[in-house]
Protein backbone atom coordinates (compact mmCIF):
# COMPACT_ATOMS: atom_id res chain seq x y z
CA MET A 1 8.13 -27.84 -2.89
CA ASN A 2 10.67 -27.22 -0.14
CA LEU A 3 11.75 -23.62 -0.63
CA THR A 4 15.19 -24.34 0.78
CA GLU A 5 15.80 -26.82 -2.04
CA VAL A 6 14.71 -24.50 -4.83
CA HIS A 7 17.49 -23.37 -7.17
CA SER A 8 15.57 -21.05 -9.50
CA VAL A 9 12.44 -18.91 -9.07
CA TYR A 10 10.51 -17.37 -11.96
CA PHE A 11 7.97 -14.59 -11.31
CA ILE A 12 5.06 -13.83 -13.64
CA GLY A 13 4.21 -10.22 -12.84
CA ILE A 14 7.61 -9.52 -11.27
CA GLY A 15 7.16 -5.74 -11.47
CA GLY A 16 4.25 -5.73 -9.03
CA ILE A 17 4.94 -4.15 -5.66
CA GLY A 18 4.22 -7.39 -3.79
CA MET A 19 5.95 -9.64 -6.30
CA SER A 20 9.14 -7.62 -6.51
CA ASN A 21 9.84 -7.77 -2.77
CA LEU A 22 9.55 -11.56 -2.89
CA ALA A 23 11.91 -11.58 -5.87
CA ARG A 24 14.39 -9.56 -3.81
CA TYR A 25 13.99 -12.03 -0.94
CA PHE A 26 14.86 -15.07 -3.07
CA HIS A 27 17.70 -13.22 -4.78
CA LEU A 28 19.16 -12.26 -1.40
CA ASN A 29 18.96 -15.91 -0.37
CA GLY A 30 21.11 -17.02 -3.29
CA LYS A 31 18.43 -18.25 -5.71
CA ASN A 32 18.43 -17.66 -9.44
CA VAL A 33 15.62 -15.15 -10.04
CA ALA A 34 14.00 -13.93 -13.26
CA GLY A 35 10.53 -12.99 -14.43
CA TYR A 36 8.04 -11.38 -16.76
CA ASP A 37 6.14 -8.12 -16.56
CA LYS A 38 3.88 -6.33 -18.99
CA THR A 39 5.87 -3.08 -19.16
CA SER A 40 9.14 -1.65 -17.98
CA SER A 41 8.97 0.43 -14.79
CA GLU A 42 11.15 1.88 -12.09
CA ILE A 43 10.69 -1.35 -10.13
CA THR A 44 11.75 -3.61 -13.01
CA GLU A 45 14.75 -1.37 -13.64
CA MET A 46 15.74 -1.69 -9.96
CA LEU A 47 15.47 -5.48 -10.24
CA GLN A 48 17.57 -5.52 -13.41
CA LYS A 49 20.28 -3.59 -11.59
CA LEU A 50 20.46 -6.59 -9.23
CA ASP A 51 21.09 -8.81 -12.29
CA ILE A 52 17.55 -10.18 -12.15
CA ALA A 53 16.52 -10.87 -15.75
CA VAL A 54 13.14 -9.37 -16.72
CA THR A 55 11.33 -9.99 -20.01
CA PHE A 56 8.39 -7.98 -21.35
CA ASP A 57 7.26 -10.58 -23.90
CA ASP A 58 4.76 -13.14 -22.58
CA SER A 59 5.87 -15.83 -25.03
CA GLU A 60 7.22 -19.02 -23.49
CA THR A 61 10.04 -18.91 -26.07
CA VAL A 62 11.78 -16.04 -24.22
CA ILE A 63 11.96 -17.82 -20.85
CA PRO A 64 15.69 -18.18 -20.05
CA GLU A 65 16.93 -21.75 -20.42
CA LEU A 66 17.95 -21.88 -16.76
CA TYR A 67 14.25 -21.78 -15.77
CA LEU A 68 13.04 -24.54 -18.07
CA ASP A 69 13.91 -27.35 -15.65
CA ALA A 70 10.74 -28.28 -13.77
CA ALA A 71 12.68 -30.17 -11.11
CA ASN A 72 14.65 -27.09 -10.07
CA THR A 73 12.38 -24.15 -10.92
CA PHE A 74 9.57 -22.77 -8.81
CA VAL A 75 7.03 -20.39 -10.41
CA VAL A 76 5.23 -17.56 -8.64
CA TYR A 77 2.39 -15.59 -10.22
CA THR A 78 0.09 -12.73 -9.28
CA PRO A 79 -3.73 -12.95 -9.63
CA ALA A 80 -3.53 -9.82 -11.79
CA VAL A 81 -2.12 -12.03 -14.60
CA PRO A 82 -4.87 -13.49 -16.82
CA ALA A 83 -5.33 -17.26 -16.85
CA SER A 84 -4.57 -17.25 -20.58
CA HIS A 85 -1.06 -15.82 -20.09
CA LYS A 86 1.25 -17.84 -22.36
CA GLN A 87 4.10 -18.30 -19.87
CA LEU A 88 1.72 -19.18 -17.04
CA CYS A 89 0.00 -21.79 -19.22
CA TYR A 90 3.36 -23.22 -20.29
CA PHE A 91 4.52 -23.72 -16.71
CA GLN A 92 1.17 -25.16 -15.61
CA ASP A 93 1.08 -27.60 -18.53
CA ASN A 94 4.64 -28.87 -18.13
CA GLY A 95 4.85 -30.13 -14.58
CA PHE A 96 6.25 -27.04 -12.82
CA THR A 97 5.33 -26.12 -9.25
CA VAL A 98 3.24 -22.97 -9.70
CA LYS A 99 1.85 -20.96 -6.77
CA LYS A 100 0.17 -17.62 -6.16
CA ARG A 101 2.25 -14.91 -4.56
CA ALA A 102 0.13 -15.00 -1.37
CA THR A 103 0.76 -18.71 -0.85
CA VAL A 104 4.52 -18.25 -1.25
CA LEU A 105 4.56 -15.34 1.20
CA GLY A 106 2.76 -17.57 3.70
CA ASP A 107 5.32 -20.34 3.16
CA VAL A 108 8.24 -17.93 3.55
CA THR A 109 6.96 -16.39 6.79
CA LYS A 110 5.31 -19.44 8.39
CA ASN A 111 8.32 -20.41 10.49
CA THR A 112 9.19 -16.84 11.52
CA PHE A 113 7.79 -14.61 14.26
CA CYS A 114 5.35 -12.91 11.89
CA LEU A 115 3.81 -9.46 12.30
CA ALA A 116 0.97 -8.92 9.81
CA VAL A 117 -0.88 -5.68 9.04
CA ALA A 118 -4.42 -6.02 7.65
CA GLY A 119 -7.21 -3.56 6.92
CA THR A 120 -9.13 -1.99 4.05
CA HIS A 121 -7.07 1.19 4.48
CA GLY A 122 -3.69 2.01 5.98
CA LYS A 123 -1.92 -1.31 5.43
CA THR A 124 1.02 -0.05 3.41
CA THR A 125 1.88 2.94 5.58
CA THR A 126 1.48 0.96 8.81
CA THR A 127 3.68 -1.85 7.50
CA ALA A 128 6.33 0.64 6.40
CA ILE A 129 6.28 2.38 9.79
CA LEU A 130 6.57 -0.97 11.56
CA GLY A 131 9.49 -2.07 9.39
CA HIS A 132 11.23 1.26 10.02
CA LEU A 133 10.67 1.07 13.79
CA LEU A 134 12.16 -2.40 14.02
CA LYS A 135 15.13 -1.63 11.78
CA GLU A 136 15.97 1.54 13.72
CA SER A 137 15.61 -0.40 16.99
CA GLY A 138 18.18 -2.96 15.87
CA VAL A 139 15.73 -5.84 15.44
CA ALA A 140 16.82 -8.59 13.01
CA MET A 141 13.86 -8.88 10.63
CA THR A 142 12.64 -9.05 7.05
CA ALA A 143 9.91 -6.62 5.95
CA PHE A 144 7.82 -7.13 2.81
CA LEU A 145 6.31 -3.69 2.11
CA GLY A 146 3.40 -2.83 -0.16
CA GLY A 147 5.00 0.47 -1.21
CA ILE A 148 8.39 2.12 -1.65
CA SER A 149 9.74 3.36 1.69
CA GLU A 150 11.00 6.94 1.49
CA ASN A 151 13.57 6.10 4.17
CA TYR A 152 15.18 3.23 2.23
CA ASN A 153 13.97 3.68 -1.38
CA THR A 154 12.82 0.07 -1.50
CA ASN A 155 9.85 -2.18 -0.69
CA PHE A 156 12.08 -4.77 0.99
CA ILE A 157 14.04 -4.37 4.22
CA CYS A 158 16.20 -7.21 5.51
CA THR A 159 18.39 -7.20 8.60
CA GLY A 160 17.68 -10.81 9.61
CA THR A 161 15.25 -13.70 9.13
CA GLU A 162 13.79 -14.65 12.52
CA ILE A 163 11.09 -11.94 12.43
CA SER A 164 8.96 -11.03 9.40
CA VAL A 165 6.77 -7.99 8.74
CA VAL A 166 4.11 -8.36 6.04
CA GLU A 167 1.22 -6.46 4.54
CA ALA A 168 -1.79 -8.76 4.82
CA ASP A 169 -3.76 -8.04 1.66
CA GLU A 170 -7.48 -8.85 1.66
CA TYR A 171 -7.71 -8.83 -2.15
CA ASP A 172 -8.47 -12.34 -3.43
CA ARG A 173 -8.44 -13.41 0.26
CA SER A 174 -4.65 -13.46 0.06
CA PHE A 175 -4.17 -12.77 3.77
CA LEU A 176 -5.70 -16.13 4.68
CA GLN A 177 -2.39 -17.71 3.62
CA LEU A 178 -0.57 -16.05 6.53
CA PHE A 179 0.08 -17.37 10.05
CA PRO A 180 0.86 -14.29 12.19
CA ASN A 181 2.08 -14.15 15.77
CA VAL A 182 1.05 -10.51 16.02
CA ALA A 183 -1.49 -8.87 13.74
CA CYS A 184 -3.60 -5.78 13.44
CA ILE A 185 -6.76 -4.81 11.60
CA THR A 186 -6.88 -1.10 10.84
CA SER A 187 -10.33 -0.97 9.22
CA MET A 188 -13.06 -3.11 7.70
CA GLU A 189 -15.05 -1.50 4.90
CA ALA A 190 -16.64 -2.61 1.69
CA ASP A 191 -14.08 -2.87 -1.11
CA HIS A 192 -13.05 -5.41 -3.75
CA LEU A 193 -16.73 -6.22 -4.26
CA ASP A 194 -15.73 -8.00 -7.47
CA ILE A 195 -14.26 -10.61 -5.11
CA TYR A 196 -16.55 -10.45 -2.06
CA GLY A 197 -19.93 -9.51 -3.51
CA ASN A 198 -20.96 -7.35 -0.54
CA GLU A 199 -19.73 -5.88 2.74
CA ASP A 200 -20.74 -8.99 4.70
CA GLY A 201 -18.38 -11.05 2.57
CA ILE A 202 -15.37 -8.91 3.37
CA ILE A 203 -16.20 -8.77 7.10
CA THR A 204 -16.39 -12.57 7.16
CA SER A 205 -12.98 -12.72 5.53
CA PHE A 206 -11.44 -10.40 8.14
CA ASN A 207 -12.90 -12.60 10.87
CA ASP A 208 -11.34 -15.61 9.17
CA PHE A 209 -8.00 -13.76 9.12
CA ALA A 210 -8.25 -13.13 12.85
CA LYS A 211 -8.60 -16.90 13.36
CA LYS A 212 -5.26 -17.46 11.56
CA LEU A 213 -3.38 -16.03 14.53
CA LYS A 214 -0.91 -18.51 16.00
CA PRO A 215 -1.53 -19.86 19.54
CA LYS A 216 -0.77 -17.18 22.16
CA GLY A 217 -0.75 -14.59 19.38
CA LYS A 218 -1.91 -11.00 19.86
CA MET A 219 -4.40 -9.08 17.72
CA PHE A 220 -4.63 -5.28 17.69
CA VAL A 221 -7.86 -3.74 16.38
CA ARG A 222 -8.96 -0.18 15.76
CA TYR A 223 -11.24 0.85 18.62
CA GLY A 224 -14.88 0.36 17.60
CA LEU A 225 -14.38 -2.53 15.19
CA PRO A 226 -16.53 -5.59 16.00
CA LEU A 227 -13.52 -7.81 16.72
CA ASP A 228 -11.83 -9.09 19.85
CA GLY A 229 -8.34 -7.79 20.51
CA VAL A 230 -6.17 -5.13 22.07
CA THR A 231 -7.67 -1.79 21.01
CA TYR A 232 -6.01 1.39 19.78
CA GLY A 233 -7.36 4.81 18.87
CA PHE A 234 -8.03 8.34 20.08
CA GLU A 235 -10.81 7.20 22.41
CA PRO A 236 -10.18 7.31 26.20
CA GLU A 237 -11.25 3.66 26.44
CA ALA A 238 -8.64 2.38 23.95
CA ASP A 239 -5.80 0.25 25.35
CA TYR A 240 -3.24 2.19 23.28
CA ARG A 241 -4.21 5.78 22.55
CA ILE A 242 -3.01 9.21 21.48
CA GLU A 243 -3.78 12.29 23.56
CA ASN A 244 -2.96 16.03 23.65
CA ILE A 245 -2.18 16.47 19.94
CA LEU A 246 -0.34 19.62 18.85
CA ILE A 247 0.76 20.70 15.38
CA GLU A 248 4.05 22.60 15.20
CA ASN A 249 5.72 23.51 11.89
CA GLY A 250 3.83 20.79 10.04
CA SER A 251 4.65 18.03 12.56
CA TYR A 252 2.49 16.29 15.15
CA PHE A 253 3.47 16.18 18.82
CA PHE A 254 1.38 14.08 21.19
CA ASP A 255 1.26 11.85 24.25
CA LEU A 256 1.28 8.12 23.49
CA VAL A 257 -0.48 6.11 26.19
CA THR A 258 0.19 2.35 26.52
CA PRO A 259 -1.29 0.00 29.14
CA THR A 260 1.87 0.50 31.24
CA GLN A 261 3.21 4.01 30.57
CA VAL A 262 2.66 7.47 29.10
CA LEU A 263 5.23 8.68 26.59
CA LYS A 264 5.25 12.49 26.42
CA ARG A 265 5.69 14.71 23.37
CA VAL A 266 6.15 11.99 20.79
CA GLU A 267 6.90 13.39 17.31
CA PHE A 268 5.51 12.18 13.99
CA ASN A 269 5.88 13.96 10.66
CA LYS A 270 3.25 12.53 8.29
CA PRO A 271 0.04 14.60 7.99
CA GLY A 272 -3.42 13.25 8.76
CA LYS A 273 -5.19 11.76 11.77
CA HIS A 274 -5.29 8.43 9.92
CA ASN A 275 -1.50 8.42 9.84
CA LEU A 276 -1.37 9.03 13.58
CA LEU A 277 -3.43 5.87 14.02
CA ASN A 278 -1.12 3.99 11.65
CA ALA A 279 1.86 5.12 13.72
CA LEU A 280 0.14 4.15 16.97
CA VAL A 281 -0.62 0.56 16.02
CA ALA A 282 2.81 0.09 14.42
CA PHE A 283 4.32 1.26 17.71
CA ALA A 284 2.11 -1.15 19.69
CA MET A 285 3.08 -4.07 17.45
CA ALA A 286 6.79 -3.21 17.62
CA ILE A 287 6.69 -3.42 21.41
CA GLN A 288 5.75 -7.10 21.04
CA THR A 289 9.24 -7.82 19.68
CA GLY A 290 10.85 -6.51 22.84
CA SER A 291 12.00 -3.24 21.27
CA PRO A 292 12.70 -0.54 23.91
CA THR A 293 10.17 2.29 23.76
CA ASP A 294 12.79 5.05 23.81
CA ARG A 295 14.29 3.78 20.55
CA LEU A 296 10.82 3.36 19.06
CA VAL A 297 9.96 6.98 19.92
CA SER A 298 13.05 8.34 18.17
CA ALA A 299 12.39 6.06 15.19
CA LEU A 300 8.83 7.41 14.81
CA ALA A 301 10.23 10.92 14.47
CA SER A 302 12.55 9.86 11.64
CA PHE A 303 9.91 8.09 9.52
CA LYS A 304 9.75 9.82 6.13
CA GLY A 305 6.77 8.03 4.62
CA VAL A 306 5.87 5.83 1.68
CA ARG A 307 6.02 6.94 -1.92
CA ARG A 308 2.62 8.09 -3.20
CA ARG A 309 1.21 8.36 0.34
CA PHE A 310 0.88 12.13 0.90
CA SER A 311 4.18 12.57 -0.92
CA TYR A 312 5.35 16.18 -1.24
CA HIS A 313 6.84 17.13 -4.60
CA ILE A 314 6.69 20.90 -4.16
CA GLN A 315 6.37 22.71 -0.84
CA THR A 316 6.94 26.45 -1.24
CA GLU A 317 5.12 29.64 -0.28
CA ASP A 318 3.76 29.97 -3.83
CA VAL A 319 2.71 26.42 -4.62
CA VAL A 320 2.30 23.03 -2.95
CA PHE A 321 2.10 19.77 -4.92
CA ILE A 322 1.16 16.50 -3.18
CA ASP A 323 0.72 13.04 -4.72
CA ASP A 324 -1.37 10.35 -3.02
CA TYR A 325 -2.49 6.77 -3.74
CA ALA A 326 -6.04 7.23 -2.34
CA HIS A 327 -8.50 5.23 -4.46
CA HIS A 328 -11.46 4.65 -2.09
CA PRO A 329 -13.86 7.31 -0.74
CA THR A 330 -12.65 6.79 2.84
CA GLU A 331 -9.04 7.30 1.73
CA ILE A 332 -9.94 10.46 -0.18
CA ASN A 333 -11.72 11.79 2.92
CA ALA A 334 -8.62 11.06 5.02
CA PHE A 335 -6.42 12.80 2.47
CA HIS A 336 -8.72 15.82 2.41
CA GLN A 337 -8.67 16.06 6.22
CA ALA A 338 -4.88 16.02 6.22
CA VAL A 339 -4.63 18.70 3.50
CA ARG A 340 -7.11 21.04 5.21
CA GLU A 341 -5.41 20.56 8.57
CA MET A 342 -1.98 21.44 7.20
CA TYR A 343 -3.11 24.13 4.71
CA PRO A 344 -6.35 25.63 6.06
CA GLY A 345 -6.17 28.78 3.94
CA LYS A 346 -5.31 27.34 0.54
CA LYS A 347 -7.62 26.43 -2.32
CA VAL A 348 -7.08 22.81 -3.34
CA THR A 349 -7.17 21.50 -6.91
CA ALA A 350 -7.67 17.72 -6.88
CA ILE A 351 -6.78 15.71 -9.99
CA PHE A 352 -8.33 12.26 -9.50
CA GLN A 353 -8.01 9.14 -11.62
CA PRO A 354 -10.75 6.61 -10.72
CA HIS A 355 -9.42 3.04 -10.42
CA LEU A 356 -11.54 0.16 -11.78
CA TYR A 357 -14.96 0.46 -13.39
CA SER A 358 -16.53 -1.77 -10.72
CA ARG A 359 -15.15 0.28 -7.82
CA THR A 360 -16.29 3.52 -9.48
CA ARG A 361 -19.79 2.06 -9.93
CA ASP A 362 -20.03 0.51 -6.47
CA PHE A 363 -18.86 3.61 -4.58
CA ALA A 364 -19.98 6.41 -6.90
CA GLU A 365 -21.97 8.20 -4.20
CA GLY A 366 -19.04 8.04 -1.77
CA PHE A 367 -16.59 9.26 -4.41
CA ALA A 368 -18.89 12.15 -5.32
CA THR A 369 -19.28 13.23 -1.69
CA ALA A 370 -15.56 12.97 -0.94
CA LEU A 371 -14.46 14.83 -4.08
CA SER A 372 -17.05 17.58 -3.58
CA GLN A 373 -15.00 18.81 -0.61
CA PHE A 374 -12.21 20.14 -2.85
CA ASP A 375 -12.27 23.60 -4.44
CA THR A 376 -11.54 22.35 -7.96
CA VAL A 377 -12.00 18.76 -9.19
CA VAL A 378 -10.38 17.35 -12.31
CA LEU A 379 -11.25 13.79 -13.29
CA LEU A 380 -9.15 11.66 -15.61
CA ASP A 381 -10.57 8.67 -17.46
CA ILE A 382 -11.12 5.54 -15.36
CA TYR A 383 -8.02 3.34 -15.08
CA PRO A 384 -9.26 -0.14 -16.06
CA ALA A 385 -6.47 -2.28 -14.54
CA ARG A 386 -7.75 -5.86 -14.85
CA GLU A 387 -11.30 -4.95 -15.98
CA LEU A 388 -13.25 -4.40 -19.17
CA PRO A 389 -15.47 -1.29 -19.42
CA ILE A 390 -18.90 -1.32 -17.79
CA LYS A 391 -21.61 0.35 -19.86
CA GLY A 392 -22.52 3.79 -18.53
CA VAL A 393 -19.72 3.90 -15.94
CA THR A 394 -17.45 6.74 -17.04
CA SER A 395 -15.70 9.72 -15.51
CA GLU A 396 -18.32 11.97 -17.13
CA TRP A 397 -21.02 9.97 -15.32
CA LEU A 398 -19.19 10.37 -12.00
CA LEU A 399 -18.61 14.10 -12.63
CA GLU A 400 -22.36 14.72 -12.85
CA GLN A 401 -22.73 13.50 -9.25
CA ILE A 402 -20.00 15.76 -7.81
CA ASN A 403 -21.34 18.87 -6.07
CA CYS A 404 -18.52 21.24 -6.89
CA PRO A 405 -18.98 24.30 -9.14
CA ASP A 406 -15.45 24.08 -10.57
CA LYS A 407 -15.21 20.56 -12.04
CA MET A 408 -14.22 18.95 -15.32
CA VAL A 409 -12.96 15.82 -17.09
CA LEU A 410 -9.59 16.17 -18.79
CA ALA A 411 -7.34 13.92 -20.83
CA LYS A 412 -3.82 13.44 -19.49
CA ASP A 413 -2.32 15.67 -22.17
CA GLU A 414 -4.66 18.48 -21.11
CA ILE A 415 -3.43 18.58 -17.49
CA ILE A 416 -0.33 20.70 -18.06
CA PRO A 417 -2.05 23.41 -20.18
CA PHE A 418 -4.82 23.58 -17.55
CA LEU A 419 -2.34 24.05 -14.68
CA GLN A 420 -0.31 26.62 -16.62
CA LYS A 421 -3.45 28.64 -17.23
CA GLU A 422 -5.01 28.38 -13.76
CA LYS A 423 -1.80 28.55 -11.65
CA PRO A 424 -3.36 26.80 -8.60
CA GLU A 425 -1.75 27.24 -5.17
CA LEU A 426 -2.19 23.63 -4.03
CA VAL A 427 -2.37 20.70 -6.44
CA ALA A 428 -3.10 17.10 -5.43
CA THR A 429 -2.85 14.12 -7.76
CA ILE A 430 -4.91 11.24 -6.39
CA GLY A 431 -5.45 7.64 -7.51
CA ALA A 432 -4.04 4.11 -7.77
CA GLY A 433 -3.70 3.81 -11.54
CA ASP A 434 -0.95 5.28 -13.68
CA ILE A 435 -1.53 8.87 -12.58
CA GLY A 436 1.78 8.65 -10.74
CA ASN A 437 3.49 8.69 -14.13
CA GLU A 438 2.32 12.29 -14.59
CA VAL A 439 3.96 13.57 -11.41
CA VAL A 440 7.33 14.55 -12.91
CA LYS A 441 5.68 16.47 -15.77
CA ILE A 442 3.30 18.26 -13.40
CA LYS A 443 6.12 19.19 -11.04
CA ARG A 444 8.15 20.60 -13.91
CA ALA A 445 5.19 22.64 -15.15
CA LEU A 446 4.36 24.05 -11.71
CA LEU A 447 7.96 25.16 -11.15
CA ALA A 448 8.33 26.71 -14.60
């Protein structure tokens, strides 16, 4: 279907972070937009404020009449929706054009100058930094973000259509639908083994993504990865690198070295060495659009972050409360490094919600090692997402493997009484499930 000729677009799973930015895109381009999601959320409420109709009943009988014309309606769905979903089955059985979200994103960005950010870790933050750099530099572009930008309170930035910025998601091999002019790969580690089977499978997929680069395109790769491209990192041999790092009042100051110049005392305000690398490659990619480096430097300093990526909720002398999306051992290690670097003298209480039974099983040893670094570890029950339970894989099973004397499994309703009794000085909520829904209650309890 020619997207320019589409009148109406219906999204199944419209409240997803990647689905909702596409919904915003079509709405901005004058299309009729509606959709289904399982539950109401802040994202669905934001969409409804744009007059985008959202239903929370999967019955085909609640689909608005406007979207029942197969000749004029295009349907987008997320792989997180089960194949038995009633609305999905209705559209598939009645002659509608139905495509996965990844395919549509590829169609939308194919004829643009596309900048794509791939990697097992760091995609969302890097994409958000890149979108912010280009917007602040006056570049006309559309950015599809995988998280809510703290600068703009949205996952969709649009100042023009000639350039696109996208998060290239490896889940379900979605990123193979993209055709980037400029791309980066931040990391390649085993994850999504329910899709890939083993680490070799995911590495093969990243290599396939690298081959999707348009002719004369440019690929940036983290120094040390077994891929051809322009390298970036802390290493002296990297083409783009960071040197002479200082920390002043919770901010980084460093020299940013490109193949052609050295930019002195660049400022960046998100904690963690991993975030410095995210900023570095976003900067390198932004240069490819012709953005002047002086404007990019000032834009880096004004980047506020992405919601649930080292997000401060309390930052006082008495207590610090940070919320983070980390859901893989490498991400938890990166979060821990950032916390210890910024708060070397504080005891850290980590409240972690494992995400997926399969991921917990596949990376149990890594999770146990990463979590053992905290002073106190609280585990919530595993968030199942799209999975059914796996026998023997529980938070209690994971807890036994954690080498930390102060550890426990708690139910969600036990968190507040625990915090009120213990009065910890630094609390971190960690995980990709629904643990973010507890943040407001925890903040209120810690400030009481």
